């Protein structure tokens, strides 16, 4: 049996980003409970906020400019570990598709 992907969230403890990292870890564990093997929180160097799936970088605060919204992070992780998985209301919709549950604009 193949092992499930490992998600790591490296954060700066000096910047007090542990709670943000833990919240995003909880969001990923809730969404991908059957798709990931582990979500690890890693205290890192000053200013770091780096999210990886195995060795693939999903989000880097310094490159991507700030912190990810949970929706965007879930989409990026999904695209790597479970491309066919629907994220429901959080999913990216093609330009011509409208949400069936949202009120008209």
N, C-alpha and C. Protein backbone atom coordinates (compact mmCIF):
# COMPACT_ATOMS: atom_id res chain seq x y z
N UNK A 1 0.84 -1.19 0.00
CA UNK A 1 0.00 0.00 0.00
C UNK A 1 0.89 1.25 0.00
N UNK A 2 0.61 2.17 -0.89
CA UNK A 2 1.38 3.41 -0.97
C UNK A 2 1.07 4.30 0.24
N UNK A 3 2.09 5.00 0.71
CA UNK A 3 1.86 5.89 1.85
C UNK A 3 1.14 7.15 1.38
N UNK A 4 0.40 7.74 2.29
CA UNK A 4 -0.33 8.98 1.97
C UNK A 4 0.61 10.17 2.10
N UNK A 5 0.30 11.26 1.40
CA UNK A 5 1.17 12.44 1.42
C UNK A 5 1.29 13.05 2.81
N UNK A 6 2.43 13.70 3.01
CA UNK A 6 2.70 14.42 4.26
C UNK A 6 2.65 15.91 3.96
N UNK A 7 1.86 16.64 4.72
CA UNK A 7 1.80 18.09 4.60
C UNK A 7 2.60 18.67 5.76
N UNK A 8 3.49 19.60 5.45
CA UNK A 8 4.25 20.26 6.51
C UNK A 8 4.00 21.76 6.45
N UNK A 9 3.85 22.34 7.62
CA UNK A 9 3.68 23.79 7.74
C UNK A 9 4.80 24.29 8.64
N UNK A 10 5.77 24.96 8.02
CA UNK A 10 6.88 25.53 8.77
C UNK A 10 6.55 26.99 9.03
N UNK A 11 6.64 27.40 10.29
CA UNK A 11 6.22 28.75 10.68
C UNK A 11 7.28 29.38 11.59
N UNK A 12 7.22 30.68 11.71
CA UNK A 12 8.13 31.43 12.58
C UNK A 12 7.53 31.56 13.97
N UNK A 13 8.13 30.90 14.98
CA UNK A 13 7.60 31.04 16.33
C UNK A 13 7.82 32.44 16.91
N UNK A 14 8.90 33.10 16.50
CA UNK A 14 9.18 34.45 17.01
C UNK A 14 8.12 35.45 16.53
N UNK A 15 7.54 35.17 15.37
CA UNK A 15 6.50 36.04 14.81
C UNK A 15 5.11 35.69 15.36
N UNK A 16 5.05 34.66 16.18
CA UNK A 16 3.78 34.20 16.79
C UNK A 16 2.79 33.68 15.74
N UNK A 17 3.30 32.90 14.78
CA UNK A 17 2.45 32.38 13.72
C UNK A 17 2.01 30.95 13.96
N UNK A 18 2.25 30.41 15.17
CA UNK A 18 1.87 29.04 15.45
C UNK A 18 0.34 28.85 15.37
N UNK A 19 -0.43 29.78 15.89
CA UNK A 19 -1.89 29.63 15.85
C UNK A 19 -2.42 29.64 14.43
N UNK A 20 -1.85 30.47 13.57
CA UNK A 20 -2.24 30.50 12.16
C UNK A 20 -1.91 29.16 11.50
N UNK A 21 -0.71 28.65 11.79
CA UNK A 21 -0.29 27.36 11.24
C UNK A 21 -1.20 26.24 11.73
N UNK A 22 -1.54 26.26 13.01
CA UNK A 22 -2.41 25.22 13.59
C UNK A 22 -3.81 25.30 13.00
N UNK A 23 -4.32 26.50 12.78
CA UNK A 23 -5.65 26.65 12.19
C UNK A 23 -5.68 26.10 10.77
N UNK A 24 -4.65 26.43 9.97
CA UNK A 24 -4.60 25.92 8.61
C UNK A 24 -4.42 24.39 8.60
N UNK A 25 -3.65 23.86 9.56
CA UNK A 25 -3.50 22.41 9.67
C UNK A 25 -4.85 21.76 9.96
N UNK A 26 -5.62 22.36 10.85
CA UNK A 26 -6.95 21.84 11.17
C UNK A 26 -7.87 21.88 9.95
N UNK A 27 -7.80 22.96 9.18
CA UNK A 27 -8.60 23.07 7.96
C UNK A 27 -8.24 21.96 6.97
N UNK A 28 -6.94 21.71 6.80
CA UNK A 28 -6.50 20.67 5.87
C UNK A 28 -6.88 19.28 6.37
N UNK A 29 -6.73 19.04 7.67
CA UNK A 29 -7.10 17.73 8.22
C UNK A 29 -8.60 17.47 8.10
N UNK A 30 -9.39 18.50 8.27
CA UNK A 30 -10.84 18.34 8.15
C UNK A 30 -11.23 18.05 6.70
N UNK A 31 -10.63 18.75 5.77
CA UNK A 31 -10.98 18.60 4.35
C UNK A 31 -10.40 17.32 3.74
N UNK A 32 -9.19 16.97 4.13
CA UNK A 32 -8.50 15.85 3.50
C UNK A 32 -8.23 14.71 4.48
N UNK A 33 -9.18 14.45 5.39
CA UNK A 33 -8.96 13.46 6.45
C UNK A 33 -8.60 12.07 5.92
N UNK A 34 -9.09 11.70 4.75
CA UNK A 34 -8.79 10.38 4.19
C UNK A 34 -7.70 10.42 3.12
N UNK A 35 -7.19 11.61 2.83
CA UNK A 35 -6.24 11.77 1.73
C UNK A 35 -4.81 12.07 2.17
N UNK A 36 -4.63 12.53 3.41
CA UNK A 36 -3.28 12.83 3.90
C UNK A 36 -2.91 11.87 5.02
N UNK A 37 -1.63 11.58 5.11
CA UNK A 37 -1.16 10.71 6.18
C UNK A 37 -0.75 11.47 7.42
N UNK A 38 -0.39 12.74 7.22
CA UNK A 38 0.14 13.52 8.33
C UNK A 38 0.12 14.99 7.97
N UNK A 39 -0.13 15.84 8.97
CA UNK A 39 0.08 17.27 8.85
C UNK A 39 0.99 17.65 10.01
N UNK A 40 2.17 18.15 9.68
CA UNK A 40 3.18 18.47 10.69
C UNK A 40 3.36 19.97 10.82
N UNK A 41 3.47 20.44 12.06
CA UNK A 41 3.81 21.83 12.35
C UNK A 41 5.28 21.87 12.74
N UNK A 42 6.05 22.72 12.04
CA UNK A 42 7.49 22.77 12.23
C UNK A 42 7.91 24.20 12.59
N UNK A 43 8.39 24.42 13.82
CA UNK A 43 8.94 25.73 14.15
C UNK A 43 10.17 25.99 13.28
N UNK A 44 10.21 27.15 12.64
CA UNK A 44 11.29 27.43 11.69
C UNK A 44 12.05 28.69 12.00
N UNK A 45 12.70 29.21 10.98
CA UNK A 45 13.52 30.42 11.11
C UNK A 45 12.64 31.67 11.11
N UNK A 46 13.27 32.78 11.40
CA UNK A 46 12.58 34.06 11.45
C UNK A 46 11.90 34.39 10.12
N UNK A 47 10.61 34.70 10.20
CA UNK A 47 9.85 35.14 9.03
C UNK A 47 9.36 34.06 8.09
N UNK A 48 9.63 32.79 8.40
CA UNK A 48 9.22 31.72 7.50
C UNK A 48 7.76 31.33 7.71
N UNK A 49 7.06 31.10 6.62
CA UNK A 49 5.74 30.47 6.63
C UNK A 49 5.67 29.71 5.32
N UNK A 50 5.97 28.41 5.38
CA UNK A 50 6.16 27.58 4.21
C UNK A 50 5.32 26.31 4.34
N UNK A 51 4.49 26.05 3.34
CA UNK A 51 3.63 24.87 3.36
C UNK A 51 4.02 23.98 2.19
N UNK A 52 4.25 22.70 2.51
CA UNK A 52 4.64 21.73 1.48
C UNK A 52 3.78 20.49 1.56
N UNK A 53 3.61 19.85 0.41
CA UNK A 53 3.06 18.50 0.33
C UNK A 53 4.23 17.64 -0.12
N UNK A 54 4.67 16.76 0.76
CA UNK A 54 5.91 16.02 0.55
C UNK A 54 7.01 17.04 0.23
N UNK A 55 7.61 17.00 -0.95
CA UNK A 55 8.68 17.96 -1.27
C UNK A 55 8.21 19.12 -2.14
N UNK A 56 6.95 19.15 -2.51
CA UNK A 56 6.42 20.20 -3.38
C UNK A 56 5.94 21.40 -2.55
N UNK A 57 6.47 22.57 -2.84
CA UNK A 57 6.04 23.78 -2.14
C UNK A 57 4.66 24.18 -2.63
N UNK A 58 3.75 24.35 -1.67
CA UNK A 58 2.37 24.75 -1.97
C UNK A 58 2.19 26.24 -1.71
N UNK A 59 2.85 26.74 -0.65
CA UNK A 59 2.74 28.15 -0.31
C UNK A 59 4.02 28.59 0.38
N UNK A 60 4.54 29.72 -0.04
CA UNK A 60 5.70 30.33 0.60
C UNK A 60 5.36 31.81 0.80
N UNK A 61 5.28 32.23 2.04
CA UNK A 61 4.88 33.60 2.36
C UNK A 61 5.73 34.62 1.62
N UNK A 62 7.01 34.37 1.52
CA UNK A 62 7.92 35.33 0.89
C UNK A 62 7.73 35.39 -0.63
N UNK A 63 7.35 34.28 -1.24
CA UNK A 63 7.15 34.22 -2.70
C UNK A 63 5.73 34.63 -3.07
N UNK A 64 4.75 34.08 -2.33
CA UNK A 64 3.34 34.29 -2.66
C UNK A 64 2.77 35.58 -2.08
N UNK A 65 3.51 36.22 -1.21
CA UNK A 65 3.07 37.51 -0.69
C UNK A 65 2.05 37.39 0.42
N UNK A 66 2.47 37.02 1.60
CA UNK A 66 1.56 36.95 2.74
C UNK A 66 1.13 35.53 3.05
N UNK A 67 -0.04 35.43 3.64
CA UNK A 67 -0.56 34.14 4.08
C UNK A 67 -1.70 33.69 3.17
N UNK A 68 -1.87 32.37 3.04
CA UNK A 68 -2.94 31.89 2.16
C UNK A 68 -4.30 31.97 2.83
N UNK A 69 -5.32 32.22 2.03
CA UNK A 69 -6.69 32.02 2.50
C UNK A 69 -6.89 30.51 2.53
N UNK A 70 -7.70 30.02 3.45
CA UNK A 70 -7.93 28.58 3.57
C UNK A 70 -8.43 28.00 2.25
N UNK A 71 -9.31 28.71 1.56
CA UNK A 71 -9.87 28.25 0.30
C UNK A 71 -8.77 28.02 -0.74
N UNK A 72 -7.87 28.98 -0.88
CA UNK A 72 -6.79 28.89 -1.86
C UNK A 72 -5.84 27.76 -1.50
N UNK A 73 -5.50 27.64 -0.22
CA UNK A 73 -4.61 26.58 0.22
C UNK A 73 -5.22 25.21 -0.05
N UNK A 74 -6.49 25.04 0.26
CA UNK A 74 -7.16 23.76 0.00
C UNK A 74 -7.14 23.42 -1.49
N UNK A 75 -7.34 24.41 -2.33
CA UNK A 75 -7.33 24.16 -3.77
C UNK A 75 -5.94 23.71 -4.23
N UNK A 76 -4.91 24.37 -3.73
CA UNK A 76 -3.54 24.01 -4.13
C UNK A 76 -3.16 22.62 -3.62
N UNK A 77 -3.53 22.31 -2.38
CA UNK A 77 -3.23 20.98 -1.83
C UNK A 77 -4.02 19.93 -2.60
N UNK A 78 -5.29 20.18 -2.84
CA UNK A 78 -6.13 19.24 -3.59
C UNK A 78 -5.55 18.94 -4.96
N UNK A 79 -5.07 19.97 -5.64
CA UNK A 79 -4.52 19.79 -6.99
C UNK A 79 -3.34 18.83 -7.00
N UNK A 80 -2.65 18.69 -5.87
CA UNK A 80 -1.51 17.78 -5.76
C UNK A 80 -1.93 16.39 -5.30
N UNK A 81 -2.75 16.32 -4.23
CA UNK A 81 -3.00 15.01 -3.62
C UNK A 81 -4.26 14.31 -4.09
N UNK A 82 -5.25 15.06 -4.55
CA UNK A 82 -6.52 14.46 -4.95
C UNK A 82 -7.20 15.34 -5.99
N UNK A 83 -6.63 15.42 -7.22
CA UNK A 83 -7.14 16.35 -8.23
C UNK A 83 -8.63 16.19 -8.57
N UNK A 84 -9.17 15.00 -8.40
CA UNK A 84 -10.58 14.78 -8.74
C UNK A 84 -11.52 15.13 -7.60
N UNK A 85 -10.99 15.42 -6.42
CA UNK A 85 -11.82 15.71 -5.25
C UNK A 85 -12.52 17.05 -5.39
N UNK A 86 -13.81 17.05 -5.12
CA UNK A 86 -14.58 18.29 -5.10
C UNK A 86 -14.42 18.95 -3.75
N UNK A 87 -14.25 20.25 -3.76
CA UNK A 87 -14.18 21.01 -2.51
C UNK A 87 -15.50 21.72 -2.23
N UNK A 88 -16.52 21.34 -2.94
CA UNK A 88 -17.84 21.93 -2.72
C UNK A 88 -17.85 23.41 -3.02
N UNK A 89 -18.42 24.18 -2.13
CA UNK A 89 -18.60 25.62 -2.33
C UNK A 89 -17.26 26.36 -2.44
N UNK A 90 -16.19 25.78 -1.87
CA UNK A 90 -14.87 26.42 -1.91
C UNK A 90 -14.14 26.18 -3.21
N UNK A 91 -14.70 25.38 -4.08
CA UNK A 91 -14.00 25.01 -5.29
C UNK A 91 -13.98 26.13 -6.31
N UNK A 92 -12.94 26.13 -7.13
CA UNK A 92 -12.86 27.08 -8.25
C UNK A 92 -13.89 26.66 -9.28
N UNK A 93 -14.64 27.63 -9.76
CA UNK A 93 -15.66 27.33 -10.76
C UNK A 93 -15.23 27.92 -12.10
N UNK A 94 -15.51 27.22 -13.19
CA UNK A 94 -15.24 27.81 -14.50
C UNK A 94 -16.01 29.13 -14.63
N UNK A 95 -15.50 30.04 -15.44
CA UNK A 95 -16.08 31.37 -15.58
C UNK A 95 -17.57 31.35 -15.93
N UNK A 96 -18.02 30.38 -16.72
CA UNK A 96 -19.41 30.39 -17.16
C UNK A 96 -20.35 29.65 -16.21
N UNK A 97 -19.82 29.03 -15.16
CA UNK A 97 -20.66 28.29 -14.22
C UNK A 97 -21.05 29.19 -13.06
N UNK A 98 -22.33 29.18 -12.71
CA UNK A 98 -22.80 29.97 -11.58
C UNK A 98 -23.18 29.04 -10.44
N UNK A 99 -23.06 29.56 -9.24
CA UNK A 99 -23.38 28.78 -8.05
C UNK A 99 -24.89 28.61 -7.97
N UNK A 100 -25.32 27.39 -7.71
CA UNK A 100 -26.75 27.10 -7.64
C UNK A 100 -27.38 27.49 -6.31
N UNK A 101 -26.52 27.71 -5.28
CA UNK A 101 -27.06 28.02 -3.95
C UNK A 101 -26.93 29.49 -3.56
N UNK A 102 -26.14 30.27 -4.31
CA UNK A 102 -25.96 31.69 -4.00
C UNK A 102 -27.12 32.51 -4.58
N UNK A 103 -27.51 33.57 -3.89
CA UNK A 103 -28.56 34.45 -4.46
C UNK A 103 -28.03 35.11 -5.72
N UNK A 104 -28.91 35.46 -6.65
CA UNK A 104 -28.47 36.13 -7.88
C UNK A 104 -27.81 37.46 -7.58
N UNK A 105 -26.86 37.84 -8.43
CA UNK A 105 -26.14 39.11 -8.22
C UNK A 105 -26.98 40.27 -8.63
